[in-house]
Protein backbone atom coordinates (compact mmCIF):
# COMPACT_ATOMS: atom_id res chain seq x y z
CA UNK A 1 25.94 -35.38 -20.54
CA UNK A 2 26.33 -33.13 -23.58
CA UNK A 3 26.34 -36.16 -25.87
CA UNK A 4 23.17 -37.46 -24.18
CA UNK A 5 21.43 -34.14 -24.85
CA UNK A 6 22.64 -34.21 -28.46
CA UNK A 7 21.23 -37.71 -28.94
CA UNK A 8 17.87 -36.87 -27.31
CA UNK A 9 17.19 -33.16 -27.95
CA UNK A 10 13.43 -33.48 -27.46
CA UNK A 11 13.84 -35.08 -24.05
CA UNK A 12 16.43 -32.45 -23.15
CA UNK A 13 14.05 -29.63 -24.17
CA UNK A 14 11.14 -31.08 -22.19
CA UNK A 15 13.26 -31.63 -19.08
CA UNK A 16 14.87 -28.19 -19.33
CA UNK A 17 11.44 -26.56 -19.58
CA UNK A 18 10.17 -28.49 -16.56
CA UNK A 19 13.15 -27.49 -14.43
CA UNK A 20 13.04 -23.87 -15.64
CA UNK A 21 9.69 -23.41 -13.87
CA UNK A 22 11.50 -23.78 -10.53
CA UNK A 23 12.71 -20.22 -11.08
CA UNK A 24 9.23 -18.94 -10.18
CA UNK A 25 7.63 -18.84 -6.76
CA UNK A 26 7.58 -20.67 -4.42
CA UNK A 27 10.97 -22.27 -5.23
CA UNK A 28 12.70 -19.16 -6.68
CA UNK A 29 15.59 -21.16 -8.14
CA UNK A 30 16.40 -18.47 -10.69
CA UNK A 31 19.94 -19.78 -11.43
CA UNK A 32 18.35 -23.09 -12.45
CA UNK A 33 15.95 -21.24 -14.75
CA UNK A 34 18.82 -19.38 -16.43
CA UNK A 35 20.82 -22.59 -16.87
CA UNK A 36 17.80 -24.27 -18.47
CA UNK A 37 17.37 -21.35 -20.86
CA UNK A 38 21.06 -21.65 -21.77
CA UNK A 39 20.41 -25.28 -22.69
CA UNK A 40 17.41 -24.23 -24.79
CA UNK A 41 19.59 -21.74 -26.68
CA UNK A 42 22.08 -24.51 -27.38
CA UNK A 43 19.28 -26.74 -28.66
CA UNK A 44 18.02 -23.99 -30.98
CA UNK A 45 21.53 -23.40 -32.25
CA UNK A 46 21.84 -27.09 -33.17
CA UNK A 47 18.37 -27.46 -34.66
CA UNK A 48 18.76 -28.86 -38.20
CA UNK A 49 15.56 -27.36 -39.62
CA UNK A 50 12.50 -25.24 -38.88
CA UNK A 51 10.45 -28.14 -37.59
CA UNK A 52 13.11 -29.07 -35.04
CA UNK A 53 13.53 -25.42 -33.98
CA UNK A 54 9.82 -25.11 -33.26
CA UNK A 55 9.52 -28.56 -31.63
CA UNK A 56 12.33 -27.89 -29.17
CA UNK A 57 10.81 -24.59 -28.07
CA UNK A 58 7.35 -26.12 -27.86
CA UNK A 59 8.53 -29.08 -25.75
CA UNK A 60 10.41 -26.66 -23.49
CA UNK A 61 7.14 -24.76 -23.06
CA UNK A 62 5.14 -27.91 -22.31
CA UNK A 63 7.45 -28.78 -19.42
CA UNK A 64 7.68 -25.17 -18.28
CA UNK A 65 3.95 -24.54 -18.06
CA UNK A 66 2.98 -27.99 -16.77
CA UNK A 67 5.00 -27.49 -13.60
CA UNK A 68 4.52 -23.73 -13.25
CA UNK A 69 0.72 -23.91 -13.61
CA UNK A 70 0.14 -27.01 -11.47
CA UNK A 71 -1.93 -24.91 -9.07
CA UNK A 72 -4.78 -24.70 -11.62
CA UNK A 73 -5.65 -28.34 -10.91
CA UNK A 74 -6.44 -27.40 -7.31
CA UNK A 75 -9.27 -25.10 -8.44
CA UNK A 76 -11.23 -28.04 -9.83
CA UNK A 77 -11.53 -29.63 -6.37
CA UNK A 78 -14.08 -26.91 -5.52
CA UNK A 79 -16.42 -27.54 -8.46
CA UNK A 80 -18.54 -30.66 -7.92
CA UNK A 81 -20.32 -30.37 -11.28
CA UNK A 82 -17.07 -31.44 -12.99
CA UNK A 83 -14.81 -34.37 -12.13
CA UNK A 84 -11.91 -33.27 -9.93
CA UNK A 85 -9.39 -35.25 -11.96
CA UNK A 86 -10.19 -33.03 -14.93
CA UNK A 87 -8.05 -30.33 -13.31
CA UNK A 88 -4.87 -32.22 -14.19
CA UNK A 89 -6.07 -32.63 -17.76
CA UNK A 90 -6.83 -28.90 -17.86
CA UNK A 91 -3.26 -28.08 -16.79
CA UNK A 92 -1.84 -30.31 -19.53
CA UNK A 93 -4.20 -29.01 -22.24
CA UNK A 94 -3.48 -25.40 -21.32
CA UNK A 95 0.26 -26.13 -21.32
CA UNK A 96 0.07 -27.74 -24.76
CA UNK A 97 -1.49 -24.52 -26.06
CA UNK A 98 0.71 -22.04 -24.19
CA UNK A 99 3.83 -23.90 -25.33
CA UNK A 100 3.10 -22.69 -28.86
CA UNK A 101 4.44 -19.25 -27.87
CA UNK A 102 7.98 -20.30 -26.83
CA UNK A 103 7.88 -22.59 -29.88
CA UNK A 104 7.21 -19.59 -32.11
CA UNK A 105 9.99 -17.66 -30.36
CA UNK A 106 12.55 -20.40 -31.00
CA UNK A 107 11.39 -20.89 -34.60
CA UNK A 108 11.57 -17.16 -35.37
CA UNK A 109 15.01 -16.79 -33.77
CA UNK A 110 16.36 -19.82 -35.67
CA UNK A 111 14.91 -18.58 -38.99
CA UNK A 112 16.16 -15.00 -38.55
CA UNK A 113 19.62 -16.23 -37.67
CA UNK A 114 19.76 -18.51 -40.69
CA UNK A 115 18.57 -15.78 -43.06
CA UNK A 116 20.30 -12.63 -41.80
CA UNK A 117 22.52 -13.59 -38.89
CA UNK A 118 24.48 -16.81 -38.90
CA UNK A 119 26.46 -16.26 -35.71
CA UNK A 120 25.92 -17.57 -32.14
CA UNK A 121 25.78 -14.07 -30.66
CA UNK A 122 23.26 -12.87 -33.23
CA UNK A 123 21.09 -15.89 -32.38
CA UNK A 124 21.02 -14.78 -28.74
CA UNK A 125 19.93 -11.29 -29.69
CA UNK A 126 17.29 -12.59 -32.08
CA UNK A 127 15.98 -14.96 -29.40
CA UNK A 128 15.73 -12.19 -26.79
CA UNK A 129 13.70 -10.13 -29.28
CA UNK A 130 11.41 -12.97 -30.34
CA UNK A 131 10.83 -13.97 -26.70
CA UNK A 132 9.48 -10.47 -25.97
CA UNK A 133 7.12 -10.71 -28.94
CA UNK A 134 5.97 -14.21 -27.99
CA UNK A 135 5.22 -13.27 -24.37
CA UNK A 136 3.30 -10.20 -25.49
CA UNK A 137 1.22 -12.33 -27.86
CA UNK A 138 0.57 -14.87 -25.09
CA UNK A 139 -0.73 -12.04 -22.92
CA UNK A 140 -2.95 -10.67 -25.68
CA UNK A 141 -4.42 -13.29 -28.02
CA UNK A 142 -7.70 -15.05 -27.15
CA UNK A 143 -8.20 -12.75 -24.10
CA UNK A 144 -4.59 -13.47 -23.08
CA UNK A 145 -2.96 -15.49 -20.32
CA UNK A 146 -0.01 -13.49 -19.00
CA UNK A 147 0.72 -15.67 -15.95
CA UNK A 148 4.38 -16.15 -14.98
CA UNK A 149 6.22 -14.07 -17.58
CA UNK A 150 9.90 -14.97 -17.54
CA UNK A 151 10.91 -11.62 -16.03
CA UNK A 152 9.34 -12.59 -12.70
CA UNK A 153 12.33 -14.88 -12.07
CA UNK A 154 14.55 -11.78 -11.81
CA UNK A 155 12.73 -10.37 -8.76
CA UNK A 156 15.11 -11.99 -6.23
CA UNK A 157 18.15 -10.58 -8.08
CA UNK A 158 17.13 -6.92 -7.82
CA UNK A 159 17.43 -6.60 -11.61
CA UNK A 160 13.64 -6.48 -11.90
CA UNK A 161 13.92 -2.73 -11.29
CA UNK A 162 14.57 -2.58 -15.04
CA UNK A 163 10.79 -2.98 -15.36
CA UNK A 164 10.53 0.73 -14.51
CA UNK A 165 11.99 1.34 -17.99
CA UNK A 166 11.42 -1.69 -20.23
CA UNK A 167 8.49 -3.36 -18.46
CA UNK A 168 7.90 -7.01 -17.71
CA UNK A 169 8.33 -8.24 -21.28
CA UNK A 170 11.65 -6.45 -21.52
CA UNK A 171 12.74 -8.24 -18.34
CA UNK A 172 12.20 -11.53 -20.16
CA UNK A 173 14.76 -10.43 -22.75
CA UNK A 174 17.25 -9.64 -19.95
CA UNK A 175 16.82 -13.19 -18.65
CA UNK A 176 17.45 -14.62 -22.13
CA UNK A 177 20.61 -12.52 -22.51
CA UNK A 178 21.84 -13.65 -19.07
CA UNK A 179 21.27 -17.27 -20.09
CA UNK A 180 23.17 -16.61 -23.30
CA UNK A 181 26.03 -15.20 -21.25
CA UNK A 182 26.19 -18.48 -19.32
CA UNK A 183 26.47 -20.42 -22.58
CA UNK A 184 29.18 -18.12 -23.95
CA UNK A 185 31.15 -18.31 -20.70
CA UNK A 186 31.01 -22.11 -20.85
CA UNK A 187 32.64 -21.78 -24.28
CA UNK A 188 35.29 -19.44 -22.84
CA UNK A 189 33.97 -16.52 -24.88
CA UNK A 190 34.27 -14.20 -21.93
CA UNK A 191 34.17 -10.80 -23.61
CA UNK A 192 30.74 -11.21 -25.27
CA UNK A 193 29.51 -13.02 -22.14
CA UNK A 194 30.42 -10.03 -19.98
CA UNK A 195 28.86 -7.66 -22.51
CA UNK A 196 25.55 -9.59 -22.35
CA UNK A 197 25.61 -9.91 -18.58
CA UNK A 198 26.56 -6.29 -17.86
CA UNK A 199 23.02 -4.83 -18.17
CA UNK A 200 21.65 -7.41 -15.75
CA UNK A 201 24.41 -6.71 -13.22
CA UNK A 202 23.93 -2.94 -13.47
CA UNK A 203 20.19 -3.24 -12.96
CA UNK A 204 20.74 -5.64 -10.04
CA UNK A 205 23.07 -3.12 -8.39
CA UNK A 206 20.54 -0.33 -8.94
CA UNK A 207 17.74 -2.51 -7.57
CA UNK A 208 19.60 -3.23 -4.35
CA UNK A 209 20.77 0.36 -3.82
CA UNK A 210 17.59 2.24 -4.79
CA UNK A 211 15.98 3.61 -1.62
CA UNK A 212 12.45 2.64 -0.74
CA UNK A 213 10.03 5.57 -0.92
CA UNK A 214 9.42 6.90 2.57
CA UNK A 215 5.97 6.70 4.11
CA UNK A 216 5.28 10.22 5.39
CA UNK A 217 4.18 10.84 8.97
CA UNK A 218 0.71 11.97 7.95
CA UNK A 219 0.09 9.13 5.51
CA UNK A 220 -3.46 7.72 5.56
CA UNK A 221 -3.79 4.79 7.95
CA UNK A 222 -4.79 1.50 6.42
CA UNK A 223 -5.94 -1.90 7.65
CA UNK A 224 -5.79 -4.92 5.35
CA UNK A 225 -8.00 -7.81 6.47
CA UNK A 226 -7.35 -11.49 5.77
CA UNK A 227 -10.14 -13.60 7.35
CA UNK A 228 -8.81 -17.06 6.33
CA UNK A 229 -12.15 -18.10 4.84
CA UNK A 230 -11.58 -21.09 2.58
CA UNK A 231 -13.30 -21.67 -0.73
CA UNK A 232 -15.34 -24.50 0.81
CA UNK A 233 -16.86 -22.00 3.30
CA UNK A 234 -17.23 -18.97 1.06
CA UNK A 235 -20.62 -19.78 -0.47
CA UNK A 236 -22.04 -21.68 2.50
CA UNK A 237 -25.29 -20.16 3.80
CA UNK A 238 -24.67 -21.80 7.17
CA UNK A 239 -21.26 -20.08 7.46
CA UNK A 240 -22.49 -16.60 6.47
CA UNK A 241 -22.70 -15.21 10.00
CA UNK A 242 -19.41 -16.83 11.04
CA UNK A 243 -17.63 -15.40 8.00
CA UNK A 244 -18.97 -11.91 8.60
CA UNK A 245 -18.00 -12.11 12.26
CA UNK A 246 -14.40 -12.88 11.25
CA UNK A 247 -14.31 -9.83 8.98
CA UNK A 248 -15.89 -7.63 11.66
CA UNK A 249 -13.49 -8.75 14.39
CA UNK A 250 -10.38 -8.34 12.25
CA UNK A 251 -11.49 -4.87 11.11
CA UNK A 252 -11.20 -3.66 14.71
CA UNK A 253 -13.22 -1.21 16.75
CA UNK A 254 -14.07 2.22 15.31
CA UNK A 255 -11.56 4.83 16.40
CA UNK A 256 -11.19 8.60 16.05
CA UNK A 257 -8.34 8.48 13.51
CA UNK A 258 -9.67 7.79 10.00
CA UNK A 259 -8.73 4.52 8.32
CA UNK A 260 -9.06 2.84 4.95
CA UNK A 261 -10.18 -0.75 5.57
CA UNK A 262 -9.57 -3.27 2.81
CA UNK A 263 -11.55 -6.52 2.47
CA UNK A 264 -10.96 -9.25 -0.14
CA UNK A 265 -12.60 -9.94 -3.49
CA UNK A 266 -16.27 -10.96 -3.15
CA UNK A 267 -15.94 -10.66 0.63
CA UNK A 268 -19.67 -10.38 1.27
CA UNK A 269 -22.62 -12.38 -0.10
CA UNK A 270 -24.76 -9.28 -0.57
CA UNK A 271 -25.86 -6.93 -3.34
CA UNK A 272 -24.97 -3.65 -1.68
CA UNK A 273 -26.89 -1.39 -4.05
CA UNK A 274 -30.07 -3.42 -3.44
CA UNK A 275 -29.76 -4.28 0.26
CA UNK A 276 -29.76 -1.25 2.62
CA UNK A 277 -29.67 -3.55 5.65
CA UNK A 278 -26.28 -4.85 4.56
CA UNK A 279 -24.99 -1.32 3.96
CA UNK A 280 -26.08 -0.38 7.48
CA UNK A 281 -24.37 -3.48 8.88
CA UNK A 282 -21.10 -2.51 7.22
CA UNK A 283 -21.40 1.15 8.20
CA UNK A 284 -21.72 0.04 11.83
CA UNK A 285 -18.12 -1.21 11.68
CA UNK A 286 -16.75 2.18 10.63
CA UNK A 287 -15.57 5.16 12.59
CA UNK A 288 -16.65 8.64 11.47
CA UNK A 289 -13.67 9.04 9.13
CA UNK A 290 -13.31 5.46 7.92
CA UNK A 291 -14.00 4.04 4.49
CA UNK A 292 -14.48 0.36 3.70
CA UNK A 293 -13.24 -0.97 0.35
CA UNK A 294 -14.79 -4.38 -0.20
CA UNK A 295 -15.45 -6.85 -2.95
CA UNK A 296 -19.07 -7.71 -3.74
CA UNK A 297 -21.16 -8.46 -6.81
CA UNK A 298 -23.31 -6.04 -8.76
CA UNK A 299 -26.21 -7.96 -10.32
CA UNK A 300 -28.57 -7.34 -13.23
CA UNK A 301 -32.01 -8.84 -13.78
CA UNK A 302 -34.26 -9.20 -16.80
CA UNK A 303 -38.01 -9.84 -16.85
CA UNK A 304 -39.01 -13.25 -18.21
CA UNK A 305 -42.39 -14.90 -18.50
CA UNK A 306 -42.92 -17.83 -16.17
CA UNK A 307 -46.28 -19.58 -15.64
CA UNK A 308 -48.07 -16.70 -17.29
CA UNK A 309 -46.44 -14.02 -15.11
CA UNK A 310 -43.40 -11.79 -15.48
CA UNK A 311 -40.62 -12.56 -13.02
CA UNK A 312 -37.13 -11.09 -12.67
CA UNK A 313 -34.40 -13.53 -13.59
CA UNK A 314 -30.69 -13.01 -13.00
CA UNK A 315 -29.16 -11.96 -16.33
CA UNK A 316 -25.55 -11.26 -15.37
CA UNK A 317 -23.27 -9.66 -12.82
CA UNK A 318 -20.15 -7.58 -12.33
CA UNK A 319 -17.35 -8.63 -10.04
CA UNK A 320 -17.01 -5.33 -8.22
CA UNK A 321 -15.31 -3.33 -5.50
CA UNK A 322 -17.51 -0.94 -3.51
CA UNK A 323 -16.63 2.10 -1.41
CA UNK A 324 -18.81 2.08 1.73
CA UNK A 325 -19.05 5.19 3.94
CA UNK A 326 -19.93 5.50 7.65
CA UNK A 327 -23.31 6.91 6.55
CA UNK A 328 -24.18 3.61 4.84
CA UNK A 329 -23.86 5.16 1.38
CA UNK A 330 -21.89 3.89 -1.59
CA UNK A 331 -19.25 6.38 -2.76
CA UNK A 332 -18.18 4.51 -5.87
CA UNK A 333 -17.77 1.16 -7.60
CA UNK A 334 -15.22 -0.50 -9.85
CA UNK A 335 -16.21 -3.42 -12.10
CA UNK A 336 -13.63 -6.01 -13.07
CA UNK A 337 -12.78 -5.75 -16.75
CA UNK A 338 -10.47 -8.67 -17.57
CA UNK A 339 -12.51 -11.72 -16.61
CA UNK A 340 -11.23 -15.28 -16.28
CA UNK A 341 -12.55 -17.56 -19.06
CA UNK A 342 -14.03 -20.77 -17.63
CA UNK A 343 -13.75 -19.14 -14.19
CA UNK A 344 -16.10 -16.15 -14.31
CA UNK A 345 -17.76 -16.88 -17.62
CA UNK A 346 -18.13 -19.93 -19.82
CA UNK A 347 -17.13 -19.36 -23.45
CA UNK A 348 -19.34 -21.09 -26.01
CA UNK A 349 -21.86 -21.82 -23.26
CA UNK A 350 -24.44 -23.24 -25.69
CA UNK A 351 -21.96 -25.94 -26.71
CA UNK A 352 -20.11 -26.66 -23.47
CA UNK A 353 -22.95 -26.58 -20.95
CA UNK A 354 -24.90 -29.49 -22.54
CA UNK A 355 -21.82 -31.74 -22.23
CA UNK A 356 -21.50 -31.09 -18.51
CA UNK A 357 -18.94 -28.27 -18.36
CA UNK A 358 -19.51 -25.19 -16.24
CA UNK A 359 -17.52 -22.25 -14.99
CA UNK A 360 -15.58 -22.67 -11.76
CA UNK A 361 -17.35 -19.86 -9.87
CA UNK A 362 -20.78 -21.18 -8.79
CA UNK A 363 -23.88 -19.74 -10.46
CA UNK A 364 -25.87 -19.96 -13.67
CA UNK A 365 -25.29 -16.45 -15.05
CA UNK A 366 -21.95 -15.23 -16.37
CA UNK A 367 -20.07 -12.22 -15.10
CA UNK A 368 -19.89 -9.23 -17.43
CA UNK A 369 -16.76 -7.11 -18.00
CA UNK A 370 -16.43 -3.55 -16.78
CA UNK A 371 -15.05 -0.63 -18.83
CA UNK A 372 -11.36 -1.06 -17.88
CA UNK A 373 -8.77 0.66 -15.71
CA UNK A 374 -9.99 3.83 -14.03
CA UNK A 375 -9.37 5.72 -10.82
CA UNK A 376 -11.96 6.09 -8.07
CA UNK A 377 -12.00 9.13 -5.81
CA UNK A 378 -12.02 8.38 -2.09
CA UNK A 379 -13.73 11.32 -0.39
CA UNK A 380 -11.84 13.37 2.19
CA UNK A 381 -12.83 12.71 5.81
CA UNK A 382 -11.68 14.16 9.15
CA UNK A 383 -8.55 15.75 7.83
CA UNK A 384 -7.61 12.90 5.52
CA UNK A 385 -7.20 14.39 2.04
CA UNK A 386 -9.09 13.21 -1.00
CA UNK A 387 -7.32 10.25 -2.58
CA UNK A 388 -7.44 8.58 -5.96
CA UNK A 389 -7.44 4.78 -5.92
CA UNK A 390 -6.96 2.42 -8.83
CA UNK A 391 -8.46 -1.06 -8.61
CA UNK A 392 -7.44 -4.32 -10.27
CA UNK A 393 -9.44 -7.31 -9.09
CA UNK A 394 -7.52 -10.58 -8.75
CA UNK A 395 -6.40 -11.87 -12.18
CA UNK A 396 -6.40 -8.37 -13.74
CA UNK A 397 -3.18 -7.43 -11.98
CA UNK A 398 -1.10 -9.77 -14.20
CA UNK A 399 -1.58 -7.73 -17.38
CA UNK A 400 1.40 -5.42 -17.77
CA UNK A 401 0.56 -1.96 -19.09
CA UNK A 402 -3.19 -2.26 -18.47
CA UNK A 403 -3.62 -1.60 -14.74
CA UNK A 404 -3.50 2.22 -14.48
CA UNK A 405 -5.64 5.01 -15.87
CA UNK A 406 -2.67 7.09 -17.03
CA UNK A 407 -4.80 10.20 -17.55
CA UNK A 408 -6.07 10.07 -13.96
CA UNK A 409 -3.11 8.56 -12.11
CA UNK A 410 -4.03 7.09 -8.71
CA UNK A 411 -2.05 7.32 -5.47
CA UNK A 412 -2.19 3.53 -5.09
CA UNK A 413 -3.70 0.34 -6.51
CA UNK A 414 -6.06 -1.93 -4.59
CA UNK A 415 -5.81 -5.56 -5.68
CA UNK A 416 -8.47 -7.59 -3.84
CA UNK A 417 -8.18 -11.22 -4.74
CA UNK A 418 -9.49 -14.67 -3.97
CA UNK A 419 -6.54 -17.05 -4.20
CA UNK A 420 -8.13 -19.68 -1.96
CA UNK A 421 -8.66 -21.80 -5.09
CA UNK A 422 -5.04 -22.11 -6.01
CA UNK A 423 -3.17 -24.25 -3.51
CA UNK A 424 0.24 -23.15 -2.28
CA UNK A 425 1.89 -22.20 -5.61
CA UNK A 426 -0.73 -19.92 -7.18
CA UNK A 427 -1.01 -17.26 -4.42
CA UNK A 428 2.74 -16.62 -4.13
CA UNK A 429 3.09 -16.44 -7.92
CA UNK A 430 0.20 -13.95 -7.96
CA UNK A 431 1.93 -11.79 -5.34
CA UNK A 432 5.16 -11.76 -7.37
CA UNK A 433 3.33 -10.48 -10.43
CA UNK A 434 1.63 -7.75 -8.38
CA UNK A 435 5.10 -6.65 -7.27
CA UNK A 436 6.08 -6.19 -10.92
CA UNK A 437 3.06 -3.95 -11.50
CA UNK A 438 4.13 -1.76 -8.56
CA UNK A 439 7.62 -1.50 -10.04
CA UNK A 440 6.42 -0.73 -13.55
CA UNK A 441 3.97 1.97 -12.53
CA UNK A 442 5.73 3.42 -9.47
CA UNK A 443 2.67 3.08 -7.23
CA UNK A 444 2.11 1.07 -4.05
CA UNK A 445 -0.29 -1.88 -4.14
CA UNK A 446 -2.59 -3.11 -1.37
CA UNK A 447 -3.62 -6.79 -1.61
CA UNK A 448 -6.40 -8.27 0.51
CA UNK A 449 -7.19 -11.97 0.06
CA UNK A 450 -9.31 -14.46 2.03
CA UNK A 451 -6.53 -16.97 2.73
CA UNK A 452 -3.30 -15.25 1.66
CA UNK A 453 -1.07 -13.78 0.53
CA UNK A 454 -2.30 -10.33 1.64
CA UNK A 455 0.36 -7.63 1.46
CA UNK A 456 1.32 -3.99 1.46
CA UNK A 457 3.72 -3.45 -1.47
CA UNK A 458 5.66 -0.21 -1.88
CA UNK A 459 6.27 1.60 -5.16
CA UNK A 460 9.61 -0.20 -5.59
CA UNK A 461 7.83 -3.56 -5.59
CA UNK A 462 9.06 -4.48 -2.11
CA UNK A 463 6.76 -6.23 0.32
CA UNK A 464 6.46 -3.95 3.35
CA UNK A 465 4.19 -6.29 5.31
CA UNK A 466 2.49 -9.56 4.44
CA UNK A 467 0.24 -12.26 5.86
CA UNK A 468 1.16 -15.76 4.77
CA UNK A 469 -1.07 -18.55 3.54
CA UNK A 470 -3.93 -19.92 5.63
CA UNK A 471 -3.64 -17.37 8.42
CA UNK A 472 -6.29 -15.05 9.79
CA UNK A 473 -5.10 -11.58 10.66
CA UNK A 474 -4.70 -7.98 9.56
CA UNK A 475 -2.00 -5.58 8.48
CA UNK A 476 -1.87 -2.05 9.88
CA UNK A 477 0.31 0.73 8.59
CA UNK A 478 0.57 3.96 6.70
CA UNK A 479 -0.18 4.06 3.00
CA UNK A 480 3.19 4.02 1.18
CA UNK A 481 3.92 6.94 -1.11
CA UNK A 482 3.80 6.75 -4.88
CA UNK A 483 6.82 7.71 -6.97
CA UNK A 484 6.74 10.06 -9.95
CA UNK A 485 5.59 8.27 -13.11
CA UNK A 486 8.24 5.84 -14.33
CA UNK A 487 9.44 5.65 -17.92
CA UNK A 488 7.23 2.59 -18.35
CA UNK A 489 4.24 4.40 -16.82
CA UNK A 490 4.62 7.05 -19.53
CA UNK A 491 5.34 4.93 -22.61
CA UNK A 492 3.89 1.53 -21.58
CA UNK A 493 4.71 -1.53 -23.67
CA UNK A 494 6.05 0.63 -26.48
CA UNK A 495 9.27 0.37 -24.45
CA UNK A 496 9.33 -3.39 -25.13
CA UNK A 497 8.79 -2.73 -28.84
CA UNK A 498 11.72 -0.34 -28.79
CA UNK A 499 13.86 -3.02 -27.15
CA UNK A 500 12.84 -5.52 -29.85
CA UNK A 501 13.98 -3.08 -32.54
CA UNK A 502 17.27 -2.46 -30.73
CA UNK A 503 18.00 -6.18 -30.34
CA UNK A 504 17.14 -6.93 -33.96
CA UNK A 505 19.33 -4.06 -35.13
CA UNK A 506 22.30 -5.27 -33.07
CA UNK A 507 21.86 -8.83 -34.33
CA UNK A 508 21.82 -7.68 -37.96
CA UNK A 509 24.85 -5.45 -37.37
CA UNK A 510 26.81 -8.48 -36.17
CA UNK A 511 26.49 -10.39 -39.44
CA UNK A 512 29.69 -8.78 -40.78
CA UNK A 513 31.52 -8.96 -37.47
CA UNK A 514 33.85 -11.60 -36.12
CA UNK A 515 31.71 -13.06 -33.30
């Protein structure tokens, strides 16, 4: 087998990348992912030149992203203005681009080791450092696409609790070091293998032993609604009453004890600031101390001349979350900041629209970005204290270090989402990434989605309650407590930069050693 890989390193890299994606949800085969990374390290080590070092990392990435992002193809089945088969092409094209980042990581590690390292152990340390940098760049450049960072694969092990210190990108380095330990152990170099594996084992032990934050007796009561409204029904005028009736029924009857009721992203087809009848309809579902947190668009119009008269034409919109009170007033609004290119807006619209491309969300006008992470104040009602709530709508939750207003720290994050587009793989991957944000920041997260997975996540990243895919229902409970700010909550992704410096320093220090 080893000789076969040596004869066909490009095939080996592509296959290893493809299999490594099984470490993510829904398969969670994290030992397979680590073994595939160990093979990648071996391939880098044996690369004869810079071109081969980059090509092997790039091919690994092509396989990795093609399988891991297969759910994107499902989204194109809901957009009739584009051919549905184009979704598979979109997955491949995106994977060809995203694979550049692991390619750069392998190239940089190979080059650094040749110039200032020269030893197998130093290569591992260089690779862990360059992987952090590559994942951060992937999450940042060209608006960023941070989906499925490698550290997510460590969630089942308990070692993901390290994200409270080094963040998600630092977790990726831990996974690389664990894979390196596998390779060293296979070579019977047990002492350095144990040294590399020790941090992962210590974090795993901490993760399994760390107590979950208790939910106090007087915690605010919450209800998370999942109506099981599919994407094919969402924008149907004929289904509007039926969809609202599902939301109303699952929200339950008003009761004396105050509740926070959470509805999904874009749950209602109304412009709440412009339609008082809709506000009154929603207020009728609420008890005297309730608040409704629901997704809904905020729209903007501009006057244009048409047939000699000025008419208002839709100019743009915000993807928003509104706070609705029992008095049919709006107590606040959050506007999504990190929008999905080709989903909520069409880049280079003047070029792409004439050739038949459009964004996946129906409509002619693009969504506009909001100002970024901020906390909304939920007013006190009937003995329930005033609360601060952070909001991250759908895709925003995947961006490590950008989900909390650190100067106005919230008690919890609300992550309304619409994952009905994304088949069976996308929603569970989305949930896993939300769990990492809870761990990093030390705050609970409430997820409400139309078709799943809706969940209550505690501040340790553990799922307290969840509703699976394609089920209608609700989750009741007390709002989990937040923890004190974590190290990561204080320093953010500077922690990952510090880890890069540490790894590079150790690798350079080894050049005169005996490893």
